[in-house]
Amino acid sequence: MDALADLFDAAQQWLFQALVQPALFGLGMGGLLEDGYAATGWLLVGLLQIAAMLAVIAPLQRWRPVEPVVDRRTIRVDMLYTFIHRLGLFRVALFLLLGPVFNALFGTLRVAGVHPIQIDALWPGVTDLPWASLLLYLLAFDFTGYWIHRGQHAWRWWWSLHALHHSQRQVTMWSDNRNHLLDDVVRACIVVCVAQLIGVAPGQFIAIVAFTQLSESLQHANLRLWFGRVGERLWISPRFHRRHHGIAAGRAGCNFGVLLPWWDMLFGTADFALRYEPTGVRDQVEPGPTGHPRDYGRGFWAQQWLGLRRLAGRG
């Protein structure tokens, strides 16, 4: 683990010195070098994720696809979402917009005597075992992600944004980040607050996010794959998550888990039926009150605009 961390640090430093630092100085933003170095870490993680997707998941999709890809334009739009998120562009924008707000909030809480719980310190000896500590925080964030996902389906205003993610009729490894940007802002704010509350270290947080995102790319793959009767109950497979995206599941939904199906099993939302259904949202394939199916948009900006109209009750 230490060797991998050292290798990542060396690559981050090289990428920062070769690309990010000159760019910051060229833009007159030399005062943001520390933040730029942190952003370089996210950029490197994203590059590694995309490389793994192309090297491993893409061949699997070609090997055993659930369905043929008939509209590559929608896939290219999903790729744009992936690049925006995985290469750190969304995080940089979020930092510039909300960073001062979070700093003021958490600073006020610390002055008031409110400090992180640091859940790995609640069990003696866990902090001395890096892998045990990492797994503990992974469980905490996965539990949080499950309930965030439940909220995205349960609350009408949130569903009006999250429905964009479900409107992809051809789910592939690029579809994980196909979200309304406002939906991503809400989710990111919750995750940041949870991270501060439970006291996860920055390095652990990056590792958890990177691992989670890569697993979600596999879950969304156009891949006819399940993990067997036992494996399906240990880790979320492409088959398990495709059931969540199925038109038949509807807004009420099932299989809300992010990494582990345990929360779905515990709270009664798991569906282990071994089938691969068409994906999408029911109102985009059936006539609505206007007599026509709902339009979720084909391009990036159209999808974002129509999401805001749905949120305002006009779309």
C-alpha atoms as a PDB file:
ATOM      1  CA  MET A   1       0.000   0.000   0.000  1.00  0.00           C
ATOM      2  CA  ASP A   2       2.864   2.366   0.844  1.00  0.00           C
ATOM      3  CA  ALA A   3       4.552   1.560  -2.467  1.00  0.00           C
ATOM      4  CA  LEU A   4       1.373   2.400  -4.388  1.00  0.00           C
ATOM      5  CA  ALA A   5       0.975   5.642  -2.436  1.00  0.00           C
ATOM      6  CA  ASP A   6       4.578   6.612  -3.194  1.00  0.00           C
ATOM      7  CA  LEU A   7       4.099   5.865  -6.883  1.00  0.00           C
ATOM      8  CA  PHE A   8       0.918   7.943  -6.999  1.00  0.00           C
ATOM      9  CA  ASP A   9       2.611  10.844  -5.180  1.00  0.00           C
ATOM     10  CA  ALA A  10       5.509  10.793  -7.645  1.00  0.00           C
ATOM     11  CA  ALA A  11       3.138  10.816 -10.627  1.00  0.00           C
ATOM     12  CA  GLN A  12       1.073  13.624  -9.069  1.00  0.00           C
ATOM     13  CA  GLN A  13       4.166  15.739  -8.484  1.00  0.00           C
ATOM     14  CA  TRP A  14       5.391  15.204 -12.042  1.00  0.00           C
ATOM     15  CA  LEU A  15       1.989  16.062 -13.541  1.00  0.00           C
ATOM     16  CA  PHE A  16       1.724  19.153 -11.344  1.00  0.00           C
ATOM     17  CA  GLN A  17       5.165  20.465 -12.290  1.00  0.00           C
ATOM     18  CA  ALA A  18       4.798  19.634 -15.975  1.00  0.00           C
ATOM     19  CA  LEU A  19       1.245  20.835 -16.572  1.00  0.00           C
ATOM     20  CA  VAL A  20      -0.730  22.397 -13.744  1.00  0.00           C
ATOM     21  CA  GLN A  21       1.868  24.694 -12.167  1.00  0.00           C
ATOM     22  CA  PRO A  22       2.863  26.382 -15.463  1.00  0.00           C
ATOM     23  CA  ALA A  23      -0.824  26.814 -16.316  1.00  0.00           C
ATOM     24  CA  LEU A  24      -1.561  28.486 -12.957  1.00  0.00           C
ATOM     25  CA  PHE A  25       1.344  30.882 -13.314  1.00  0.00           C
ATOM     26  CA  GLY A  26       0.324  31.622 -16.909  1.00  0.00           C
ATOM     27  CA  LEU A  27      -3.185  32.509 -15.734  1.00  0.00           C
ATOM     28  CA  GLY A  28      -1.900  34.708 -12.904  1.00  0.00           C
ATOM     29  CA  MET A  29      -3.190  32.278 -10.268  1.00  0.00           C
ATOM     30  CA  GLY A  30       0.075  31.546  -8.488  1.00  0.00           C
ATOM     31  CA  GLY A  31      -1.647  31.967  -5.139  1.00  0.00           C
ATOM     32  CA  LEU A  32      -3.613  28.776  -5.735  1.00  0.00           C
ATOM     33  CA  LEU A  33      -0.660  26.415  -6.045  1.00  0.00           C
ATOM     34  CA  GLU A  34      -1.647  24.362  -2.993  1.00  0.00           C
ATOM     35  CA  ASP A  35      -5.196  23.930  -4.262  1.00  0.00           C
ATOM     36  CA  GLY A  36      -3.839  23.251  -7.732  1.00  0.00           C
ATOM     37  CA  TYR A  37      -1.716  20.436  -6.379  1.00  0.00           C
ATOM     38  CA  ALA A  38      -4.786  18.853  -4.778  1.00  0.00           C
ATOM     39  CA  ALA A  39      -6.687  19.228  -8.055  1.00  0.00           C
ATOM     40  CA  THR A  40      -3.812  17.495  -9.820  1.00  0.00           C
ATOM     41  CA  GLY A  41      -4.474  14.450  -7.644  1.00  0.00           C
ATOM     42  CA  TRP A  42      -8.080  14.304  -8.839  1.00  0.00           C
ATOM     43  CA  LEU A  43      -6.928  14.792 -12.454  1.00  0.00           C
ATOM     44  CA  LEU A  44      -4.500  11.881 -12.116  1.00  0.00           C
ATOM     45  CA  VAL A  45      -7.192   9.675 -10.553  1.00  0.00           C
ATOM     46  CA  GLY A  46      -9.524  10.490 -13.435  1.00  0.00           C
ATOM     47  CA  LEU A  47      -6.910   9.695 -16.057  1.00  0.00           C
ATOM     48  CA  LEU A  48      -6.214   6.344 -14.397  1.00  0.00           C
ATOM     49  CA  GLN A  49      -9.955   5.583 -14.226  1.00  0.00           C
ATOM     50  CA  ILE A  50     -10.512   6.364 -17.902  1.00  0.00           C
ATOM     51  CA  ALA A  51      -7.476   4.258 -18.828  1.00  0.00           C
ATOM     52  CA  ALA A  52      -8.900   1.325 -16.835  1.00  0.00           C
ATOM     53  CA  MET A  53     -12.320   1.782 -18.439  1.00  0.00           C
ATOM     54  CA  LEU A  54     -10.838   1.691 -21.938  1.00  0.00           C
ATOM     55  CA  ALA A  55      -8.462  -1.174 -21.194  1.00  0.00           C
ATOM     56  CA  VAL A  56     -10.799  -3.462 -19.219  1.00  0.00           C
ATOM     57  CA  ILE A  57     -14.490  -2.501 -19.279  1.00  0.00           C
ATOM     58  CA  ALA A  58     -14.729  -1.501 -22.952  1.00  0.00           C
ATOM     59  CA  PRO A  59     -13.484  -4.919 -24.182  1.00  0.00           C
ATOM     60  CA  LEU A  60     -15.953  -6.622 -21.827  1.00  0.00           C
ATOM     61  CA  GLN A  61     -18.794  -4.601 -23.362  1.00  0.00           C
ATOM     62  CA  ARG A  62     -17.748  -5.708 -26.838  1.00  0.00           C
ATOM     63  CA  TRP A  63     -17.446  -9.300 -25.638  1.00  0.00           C
ATOM     64  CA  ARG A  64     -20.899  -9.739 -24.077  1.00  0.00           C
ATOM     65  CA  PRO A  65     -23.154  -6.720 -24.731  1.00  0.00           C
ATOM     66  CA  VAL A  66     -26.702  -6.718 -23.426  1.00  0.00           C
ATOM     67  CA  GLU A  67     -27.860  -4.869 -26.531  1.00  0.00           C
ATOM     68  CA  PRO A  68     -26.310  -3.342 -29.664  1.00  0.00           C
ATOM     69  CA  VAL A  69     -25.543   0.373 -29.599  1.00  0.00           C
ATOM     70  CA  VAL A  70     -27.783   2.044 -32.169  1.00  0.00           C
ATOM     71  CA  ASP A  71     -27.369   5.736 -31.266  1.00  0.00           C
ATOM     72  CA  ARG A  72     -23.743   6.647 -30.661  1.00  0.00           C
ATOM     73  CA  ARG A  73     -24.521  10.346 -30.227  1.00  0.00           C
ATOM     74  CA  THR A  74     -26.069   9.696 -26.832  1.00  0.00           C
ATOM     75  CA  ILE A  75     -22.944   7.763 -25.831  1.00  0.00           C
ATOM     76  CA  ARG A  76     -20.725  10.693 -26.864  1.00  0.00           C
ATOM     77  CA  VAL A  77     -22.778  13.012 -24.642  1.00  0.00           C
ATOM     78  CA  ASP A  78     -22.288  10.595 -21.733  1.00  0.00           C
ATOM     79  CA  MET A  79     -18.549  10.659 -22.451  1.00  0.00           C
ATOM     80  CA  LEU A  80     -18.624  14.441 -22.060  1.00  0.00           C
ATOM     81  CA  TYR A  81     -20.245  14.062 -18.630  1.00  0.00           C
ATOM     82  CA  THR A  82     -17.547  11.539 -17.710  1.00  0.00           C
ATOM     83  CA  PHE A  83     -14.688  13.833 -18.743  1.00  0.00           C
ATOM     84  CA  ILE A  84     -16.211  16.787 -16.855  1.00  0.00           C
ATOM     85  CA  HIS A  85     -16.401  14.776 -13.640  1.00  0.00           C
ATOM     86  CA  ARG A  86     -13.506  12.341 -13.811  1.00  0.00           C
ATOM     87  CA  LEU A  87     -10.921  14.926 -14.894  1.00  0.00           C
ATOM     88  CA  GLY A  88     -11.806  17.200 -12.000  1.00  0.00           C
ATOM     89  CA  LEU A  89     -13.538  20.031 -13.877  1.00  0.00           C
ATOM     90  CA  PHE A  90     -16.700  19.719 -11.809  1.00  0.00           C
ATOM     91  CA  ARG A  91     -14.711  19.612  -8.556  1.00  0.00           C
ATOM     92  CA  VAL A  92     -12.743  22.717  -9.493  1.00  0.00           C
ATOM     93  CA  ALA A  93     -15.963  24.600 -10.258  1.00  0.00           C
ATOM     94  CA  LEU A  94     -17.516  23.367  -7.012  1.00  0.00           C
ATOM     95  CA  PHE A  95     -14.431  24.463  -5.078  1.00  0.00           C
ATOM     96  CA  LEU A  96     -14.474  27.946  -6.595  1.00  0.00           C
ATOM     97  CA  LEU A  97     -18.208  28.392  -5.999  1.00  0.00           C
ATOM     98  CA  LEU A  98     -18.749  26.734  -2.623  1.00  0.00           C
ATOM     99  CA  GLY A  99     -15.271  26.353  -1.142  1.00  0.00           C
ATOM    100  CA  PRO A 100     -15.440  29.626   0.832  1.00  0.00           C
ATOM    101  CA  VAL A 101     -18.910  28.699   2.121  1.00  0.00           C
ATOM    102  CA  PHE A 102     -17.756  25.308   3.401  1.00  0.00           C
ATOM    103  CA  ASN A 103     -14.583  26.771   4.910  1.00  0.00           C
ATOM    104  CA  ALA A 104     -16.612  29.355   6.817  1.00  0.00           C
ATOM    105  CA  LEU A 105     -19.159  26.757   7.952  1.00  0.00           C
ATOM    106  CA  PHE A 106     -16.659  24.188   9.184  1.00  0.00           C
ATOM    107  CA  GLY A 107     -14.475  26.906  10.700  1.00  0.00           C
ATOM    108  CA  THR A 108     -17.450  28.196  12.692  1.00  0.00           C
ATOM    109  CA  LEU A 109     -18.253  24.683  13.888  1.00  0.00           C
ATOM    110  CA  ARG A 110     -14.675  24.104  15.059  1.00  0.00           C
ATOM    111  CA  VAL A 111     -14.662  27.390  16.953  1.00  0.00           C
ATOM    112  CA  ALA A 112     -17.937  26.300  18.567  1.00  0.00           C
ATOM    113  CA  GLY A 113     -16.257  23.102  19.715  1.00  0.00           C
ATOM    114  CA  VAL A 114     -17.827  20.765  17.148  1.00  0.00           C
ATOM    115  CA  HIS A 115     -15.173  18.368  15.877  1.00  0.00           C
ATOM    116  CA  PRO A 116     -15.224  15.303  13.575  1.00  0.00           C
ATOM    117  CA  ILE A 117     -16.188  11.975  15.095  1.00  0.00           C
ATOM    118  CA  GLN A 118     -13.331  10.045  13.391  1.00  0.00           C
ATOM    119  CA  ILE A 119     -15.173   6.762  13.361  1.00  0.00           C
ATOM    120  CA  ASP A 120     -12.012   4.704  12.836  1.00  0.00           C
ATOM    121  CA  ALA A 121     -10.844   5.844  16.279  1.00  0.00           C
ATOM    122  CA  LEU A 122     -13.943   4.401  17.944  1.00  0.00           C
ATOM    123  CA  TRP A 123     -12.480   0.890  17.679  1.00  0.00           C
ATOM    124  CA  PRO A 124      -9.105   0.378  19.367  1.00  0.00           C
ATOM    125  CA  GLY A 125      -6.370  -0.595  16.930  1.00  0.00           C
ATOM    126  CA  VAL A 126      -8.223   0.233  13.702  1.00  0.00           C
ATOM    127  CA  THR A 127      -6.190   3.394  13.106  1.00  0.00           C
ATOM    128  CA  ASP A 128      -3.044   1.223  13.107  1.00  0.00           C
ATOM    129  CA  LEU A 129      -4.461  -0.877  10.239  1.00  0.00           C
ATOM    130  CA  PRO A 130      -4.768   1.343   7.121  1.00  0.00           C
ATOM    131  CA  TRP A 131      -6.839  -1.199   5.199  1.00  0.00           C
ATOM    132  CA  ALA A 132      -9.265  -1.702   8.089  1.00  0.00           C
ATOM    133  CA  SER A 133      -9.694   2.043   8.475  1.00  0.00           C
ATOM    134  CA  LEU A 134     -10.258   2.457   4.733  1.00  0.00           C
ATOM    135  CA  LEU A 135     -12.883  -0.298   4.674  1.00  0.00           C
ATOM    136  CA  LEU A 136     -14.691   1.254   7.632  1.00  0.00           C
ATOM    137  CA  TYR A 137     -14.982   4.598   5.873  1.00  0.00           C
ATOM    138  CA  LEU A 138     -15.956   2.836   2.645  1.00  0.00           C
ATOM    139  CA  LEU A 139     -18.888   1.258   4.469  1.00  0.00           C
ATOM    140  CA  ALA A 140     -19.899   4.635   5.909  1.00  0.00           C
ATOM    141  CA  PHE A 141     -19.894   6.344   2.507  1.00  0.00           C
ATOM    142  CA  ASP A 142     -21.674   3.433   0.846  1.00  0.00           C
ATOM    143  CA  PHE A 143     -24.434   3.625   3.476  1.00  0.00           C
ATOM    144  CA  THR A 144     -24.663   7.374   2.839  1.00  0.00           C
ATOM    145  CA  GLY A 145     -24.807   6.821  -0.911  1.00  0.00           C
ATOM    146  CA  TYR A 146     -27.668   4.357  -0.547  1.00  0.00           C
ATOM    147  CA  TRP A 147     -29.835   6.878   1.301  1.00  0.00           C
ATOM    148  CA  ILE A 148     -28.897   9.694  -1.050  1.00  0.00           C
ATOM    149  CA  HIS A 149     -30.065   7.500  -3.906  1.00  0.00           C
ATOM    150  CA  ARG A 150     -33.285   6.701  -2.089  1.00  0.00           C
ATOM    151  CA  GLY A 151     -33.861  10.436  -1.649  1.00  0.00           C
ATOM    152  CA  GLN A 152     -33.249  11.103  -5.347  1.00  0.00           C
ATOM    153  CA  HIS A 153     -36.166   8.792  -6.132  1.00  0.00           C
ATOM    154  CA  ALA A 154     -38.435   9.605  -3.199  1.00  0.00           C
ATOM    155  CA  TRP A 155     -38.563  13.413  -3.354  1.00  0.00           C
ATOM    156  CA  ARG A 156     -40.279  14.762  -6.436  1.00  0.00           C
ATOM    157  CA  TRP A 157     -38.058  17.835  -6.778  1.00  0.00           C
ATOM    158  CA  TRP A 158     -34.910  15.696  -6.581  1.00  0.00           C
ATOM    159  CA  TRP A 159     -36.310  13.122  -8.988  1.00  0.00           C
ATOM    160  CA  SER A 160     -36.966  15.880 -11.526  1.00  0.00           C
ATOM    161  CA  LEU A 161     -33.177  16.277 -11.705  1.00  0.00           C
ATOM    162  CA  HIS A 162     -32.117  12.663 -11.172  1.00  0.00           C
ATOM    163  CA  ALA A 163     -34.468  11.449 -13.921  1.00  0.00           C
ATOM    164  CA  LEU A 164     -31.882  12.661 -16.435  1.00  0.00           C
ATOM    165  CA  HIS A 165     -29.563   9.886 -15.259  1.00  0.00           C
ATOM    166  CA  HIS A 166     -32.305   7.319 -15.911  1.00  0.00           C
ATOM    167  CA  SER A 167     -33.285   8.717 -19.306  1.00  0.00           C
ATOM    168  CA  GLN A 168     -30.370   6.999 -21.071  1.00  0.00           C
ATOM    169  CA  ARG A 169     -31.918   4.259 -23.233  1.00  0.00           C
ATOM    170  CA  GLN A 170     -28.473   2.733 -23.920  1.00  0.00           C
ATOM    171  CA  VAL A 171     -26.685   2.433 -20.599  1.00  0.00           C
ATOM    172  CA  THR A 172     -22.918   1.942 -20.967  1.00  0.00           C
ATOM    173  CA  MET A 173     -19.767   2.363 -18.914  1.00  0.00           C
ATOM    174  CA  TRP A 174     -19.930   6.106 -19.700  1.00  0.00           C
ATOM    175  CA  SER A 175     -23.392   6.570 -18.154  1.00  0.00           C
ATOM    176  CA  ASP A 176     -22.459   6.813 -14.464  1.00  0.00           C
ATOM    177  CA  ASN A 177     -21.783  10.570 -14.590  1.00  0.00           C
ATOM    178  CA  ARG A 178     -24.795  11.399 -16.770  1.00  0.00           C
ATOM    179  CA  ASN A 179     -26.408  13.636 -14.151  1.00  0.00           C
ATOM    180  CA  HIS A 180     -27.885  17.073 -13.923  1.00  0.00           C
ATOM    181  CA  LEU A 181     -25.186  19.379 -12.578  1.00  0.00           C
ATOM    182  CA  LEU A 182     -27.504  20.695  -9.863  1.00  0.00           C
ATOM    183  CA  ASP A 183     -28.172  17.100  -8.799  1.00  0.00           C
ATOM    184  CA  ASP A 184     -24.410  16.591  -8.547  1.00  0.00           C
ATOM    185  CA  VAL A 185     -24.027  19.773  -6.478  1.00  0.00           C
ATOM    186  CA  VAL A 186     -26.652  18.594  -3.968  1.00  0.00           C
ATOM    187  CA  ARG A 187     -25.057  15.172  -3.691  1.00  0.00           C
ATOM    188  CA  ALA A 188     -21.528  16.593  -3.394  1.00  0.00           C
ATOM    189  CA  CYS A 189     -22.601  18.941  -0.578  1.00  0.00           C
ATOM    190  CA  ILE A 190     -24.032  16.029   1.401  1.00  0.00           C
ATOM    191  CA  VAL A 191     -20.916  13.902   0.867  1.00  0.00           C
ATOM    192  CA  VAL A 192     -18.583  16.748   1.867  1.00  0.00           C
ATOM    193  CA  CYS A 193     -20.542  17.319   5.071  1.00  0.00           C
ATOM    194  CA  VAL A 194     -20.484  13.595   5.891  1.00  0.00           C
ATOM    195  CA  ALA A 195     -16.737  13.458   5.188  1.00  0.00           C
ATOM    196  CA  GLN A 196     -16.173  16.317   7.622  1.00  0.00           C
ATOM    197  CA  LEU A 197     -18.475  14.787  10.212  1.00  0.00           C
ATOM    198  CA  ILE A 198     -16.837  11.351  10.288  1.00  0.00           C
ATOM    199  CA  GLY A 199     -13.274  12.657   9.969  1.00  0.00           C
ATOM    200  CA  VAL A 200     -12.019  10.774   6.915  1.00  0.00           C
ATOM    201  CA  ALA A 201      -8.461  11.656   5.884  1.00  0.00           C
ATOM    202  CA  PRO A 202      -8.058  13.391   2.469  1.00  0.00           C
ATOM    203  CA  GLY A 203      -6.017  10.524   1.040  1.00  0.00           C
ATOM    204  CA  GLN A 204      -8.599   7.972   2.137  1.00  0.00           C
ATOM    205  CA  PHE A 205     -11.406  10.103   0.722  1.00  0.00           C
ATOM    206  CA  ILE A 206      -9.734  10.262  -2.706  1.00  0.00           C
ATOM    207  CA  ALA A 207      -9.140   6.502  -2.690  1.00  0.00           C
ATOM    208  CA  ILE A 208     -12.763   5.776  -1.742  1.00  0.00           C
ATOM    209  CA  VAL A 209     -14.188   8.101  -4.397  1.00  0.00           C
ATOM    210  CA  ALA A 210     -11.848   6.739  -7.082  1.00  0.00           C
ATOM    211  CA  PHE A 211     -12.635   3.109  -6.277  1.00  0.00           C
ATOM    212  CA  THR A 212     -16.379   3.791  -6.044  1.00  0.00           C
ATOM    213  CA  GLN A 213     -16.496   5.599  -9.386  1.00  0.00           C
ATOM    214  CA  LEU A 214     -14.610   2.840 -11.183  1.00  0.00           C
ATOM    215  CA  SER A 215     -16.935   0.201  -9.749  1.00  0.00           C
ATOM    216  CA  GLU A 216     -19.944   2.268 -10.830  1.00  0.00           C
ATOM    217  CA  SER A 217     -18.558   2.450 -14.370  1.00  0.00           C
ATOM    218  CA  LEU A 218     -18.536  -1.358 -14.429  1.00  0.00           C
ATOM    219  CA  GLN A 219     -22.064  -1.499 -12.984  1.00  0.00           C
ATOM    220  CA  HIS A 220     -23.366   0.720 -15.793  1.00  0.00           C
ATOM    221  CA  ALA A 221     -21.562  -1.225 -18.513  1.00  0.00           C
ATOM    222  CA  ASN A 222     -23.536  -2.618 -21.431  1.00  0.00           C
ATOM    223  CA  LEU A 223     -22.424  -6.020 -20.214  1.00  0.00           C
ATOM    224  CA  ARG A 224     -24.335  -9.260 -19.775  1.00  0.00           C
ATOM    225  CA  LEU A 225     -22.705 -10.220 -16.496  1.00  0.00           C
ATOM    226  CA  TRP A 226     -23.792 -11.289 -13.054  1.00  0.00           C
ATOM    227  CA  PHE A 227     -21.700 -12.551 -10.138  1.00  0.00           C
ATOM    228  CA  GLY A 228     -23.584 -15.751  -9.292  1.00  0.00           C
ATOM    229  CA  ARG A 229     -26.053 -16.439  -6.511  1.00  0.00           C
ATOM    230  CA  VAL A 230     -23.509 -15.692  -3.779  1.00  0.00           C
ATOM    231  CA  GLY A 231     -21.495 -12.987  -5.518  1.00  0.00           C
ATOM    232  CA  GLU A 232     -24.624 -10.970  -6.322  1.00  0.00           C
ATOM    233  CA  ARG A 233     -25.152 -10.573  -2.584  1.00  0.00           C
ATOM    234  CA  LEU A 234     -21.588  -9.451  -1.947  1.00  0.00           C
ATOM    235  CA  TRP A 235     -21.045  -6.820  -4.643  1.00  0.00           C
ATOM    236  CA  ILE A 236     -23.289  -4.982  -7.102  1.00  0.00           C
ATOM    237  CA  SER A 237     -23.025  -6.377 -10.610  1.00  0.00           C
ATOM    238  CA  PRO A 238     -23.992  -4.863 -13.986  1.00  0.00           C
ATOM    239  CA  ARG A 239     -27.073  -7.125 -13.949  1.00  0.00           C
ATOM    240  CA  PHE A 240     -28.142  -5.948 -10.484  1.00  0.00           C
ATOM    241  CA  HIS A 241     -27.767  -2.259 -11.334  1.00  0.00           C
ATOM    242  CA  ARG A 242     -29.378  -2.571 -14.763  1.00  0.00           C
ATOM    243  CA  ARG A 243     -32.520  -3.730 -12.968  1.00  0.00           C
ATOM    244  CA  HIS A 244     -32.488  -0.356 -11.206  1.00  0.00           C
ATOM    245  CA  HIS A 245     -32.357   1.407 -14.598  1.00  0.00           C
ATOM    246  CA  GLY A 246     -35.103  -0.731 -16.095  1.00  0.00           C
ATOM    247  CA  ILE A 247     -38.220   1.027 -17.341  1.00  0.00           C
ATOM    248  CA  ALA A 248     -40.309  -1.460 -15.388  1.00  0.00           C
ATOM    249  CA  ALA A 249     -38.688  -0.418 -12.098  1.00  0.00           C
ATOM    250  CA  GLY A 250     -40.182   3.061 -12.407  1.00  0.00           C
ATOM    251  CA  ARG A 251     -39.536   5.972 -10.116  1.00  0.00           C
ATOM    252  CA  ALA A 252     -40.264   3.846  -7.024  1.00  0.00           C
ATOM    253  CA  GLY A 253     -37.257   1.806  -8.038  1.00  0.00           C
ATOM    254  CA  CYS A 254     -35.199  -0.960  -6.511  1.00  0.00           C
ATOM    255  CA  ASN A 255     -31.494  -1.821  -6.127  1.00  0.00           C
ATOM    256  CA  PHE A 256     -30.398   1.604  -4.870  1.00  0.00           C
ATOM    257  CA  GLY A 257     -27.016   0.448  -3.546  1.00  0.00           C
ATOM    258  CA  VAL A 258     -23.793   2.050  -4.733  1.00  0.00           C
ATOM    259  CA  LEU A 259     -21.249  -0.715  -4.097  1.00  0.00           C
ATOM    260  CA  LEU A 260     -22.844  -3.204  -1.743  1.00  0.00           C
ATOM    261  CA  PRO A 261     -26.300  -4.799  -2.107  1.00  0.00           C
ATOM    262  CA  TRP A 262     -26.429  -5.239   1.668  1.00  0.00           C
ATOM    263  CA  TRP A 263     -28.413  -2.048   2.296  1.00  0.00           C
ATOM    264  CA  ASP A 264     -31.008  -3.049  -0.320  1.00  0.00           C
ATOM    265  CA  MET A 265     -31.258  -6.452   1.329  1.00  0.00           C
ATOM    266  CA  LEU A 266     -31.532  -4.901   4.784  1.00  0.00           C
ATOM    267  CA  PHE A 267     -34.194  -2.318   3.875  1.00  0.00           C
ATOM    268  CA  GLY A 268     -36.211  -4.460   1.477  1.00  0.00           C
ATOM    269  CA  THR A 269     -35.352  -2.794  -1.842  1.00  0.00           C
ATOM    270  CA  ALA A 270     -33.286  -5.607  -3.429  1.00  0.00           C
ATOM    271  CA  ASP A 271     -34.409  -7.363  -6.613  1.00  0.00           C
ATOM    272  CA  PHE A 272     -32.185 -10.284  -7.644  1.00  0.00           C
ATOM    273  CA  ALA A 273     -34.278 -11.357 -10.643  1.00  0.00           C
ATOM    274  CA  LEU A 274     -31.908 -12.606 -13.329  1.00  0.00           C
ATOM    275  CA  ARG A 275     -33.053 -10.599 -16.348  1.00  0.00           C
ATOM    276  CA  TYR A 276     -31.843  -7.740 -18.503  1.00  0.00           C
ATOM    277  CA  GLU A 277     -34.558  -5.200 -19.246  1.00  0.00           C
ATOM    278  CA  PRO A 278     -34.761  -2.136 -21.506  1.00  0.00           C
ATOM    279  CA  THR A 279     -33.582   0.983 -19.697  1.00  0.00           C
ATOM    280  CA  GLY A 280     -35.066   4.452 -19.490  1.00  0.00           C
ATOM    281  CA  VAL A 281     -37.918   6.373 -17.852  1.00  0.00           C
ATOM    282  CA  ARG A 282     -41.509   5.321 -18.467  1.00  0.00           C
ATOM    283  CA  ASP A 283     -42.728   8.815 -19.408  1.00  0.00           C
ATOM    284  CA  GLN A 284     -40.166   9.085 -22.213  1.00  0.00           C
ATOM    285  CA  VAL A 285     -41.596   6.021 -23.980  1.00  0.00           C
ATOM    286  CA  GLU A 286     -45.305   6.438 -23.168  1.00  0.00           C
ATOM    287  CA  PRO A 287     -47.558   9.442 -23.912  1.00  0.00           C
ATOM    288  CA  GLY A 288     -47.957  11.855 -21.009  1.00  0.00           C
ATOM    289  CA  PRO A 289     -50.596  14.521 -20.199  1.00  0.00           C
ATOM    290  CA  THR A 290     -49.668  16.384 -23.398  1.00  0.00           C
ATOM    291  CA  GLY A 291     -50.241  13.276 -25.494  1.00  0.00           C
ATOM    292  CA  HIS A 292     -46.535  12.935 -26.234  1.00  0.00           C
ATOM    293  CA  PRO A 293     -43.619  11.268 -24.442  1.00  0.00           C
ATOM    294  CA  ARG A 294     -41.451  13.563 -22.304  1.00  0.00           C
ATOM    295  CA  ASP A 295     -38.340  14.991 -23.949  1.00  0.00           C
ATOM    296  CA  TYR A 296     -35.185  14.688 -21.835  1.00  0.00           C
ATOM    297  CA  GLY A 297     -32.926  16.252 -24.445  1.00  0.00           C
ATOM    298  CA  ARG A 298     -30.207  14.832 -26.665  1.00  0.00           C
ATOM    299  CA  GLY A 299     -27.375  17.306 -26.114  1.00  0.00           C
ATOM    300  CA  PHE A 300     -25.645  18.344 -22.897  1.00  0.00           C
ATOM    301  CA  TRP A 301     -27.121  21.834 -22.626  1.00  0.00           C
ATOM    302  CA  ALA A 302     -30.601  20.710 -23.679  1.00  0.00           C
ATOM    303  CA  GLN A 303     -30.550  18.070 -20.939  1.00  0.00           C
ATOM    304  CA  GLN A 304     -29.464  20.614 -18.337  1.00  0.00           C
ATOM    305  CA  TRP A 305     -32.109  23.153 -19.397  1.00  0.00           C
ATOM    306  CA  LEU A 306     -34.934  20.619 -19.515  1.00  0.00           C
ATOM    307  CA  GLY A 307     -33.929  19.431 -16.027  1.00  0.00           C
ATOM    308  CA  LEU A 308     -34.383  22.948 -14.694  1.00  0.00           C
ATOM    309  CA  ARG A 309     -37.772  23.167 -16.404  1.00  0.00           C
ATOM    310  CA  ARG A 310     -38.853  19.904 -14.758  1.00  0.00           C
ATOM    311  CA  LEU A 311     -37.670  21.264 -11.410  1.00  0.00           C
ATOM    312  CA  ALA A 312     -39.784  24.368 -11.939  1.00  0.00           C
ATOM    313  CA  GLY A 313     -42.786  22.226 -12.916  1.00  0.00           C
ATOM    314  CA  ARG A 314     -42.784  23.416 -16.521  1.00  0.00           C
ATOM    315  CA  GLY A 315     -41.282  20.479 -18.348  1.00  0.00           C
END
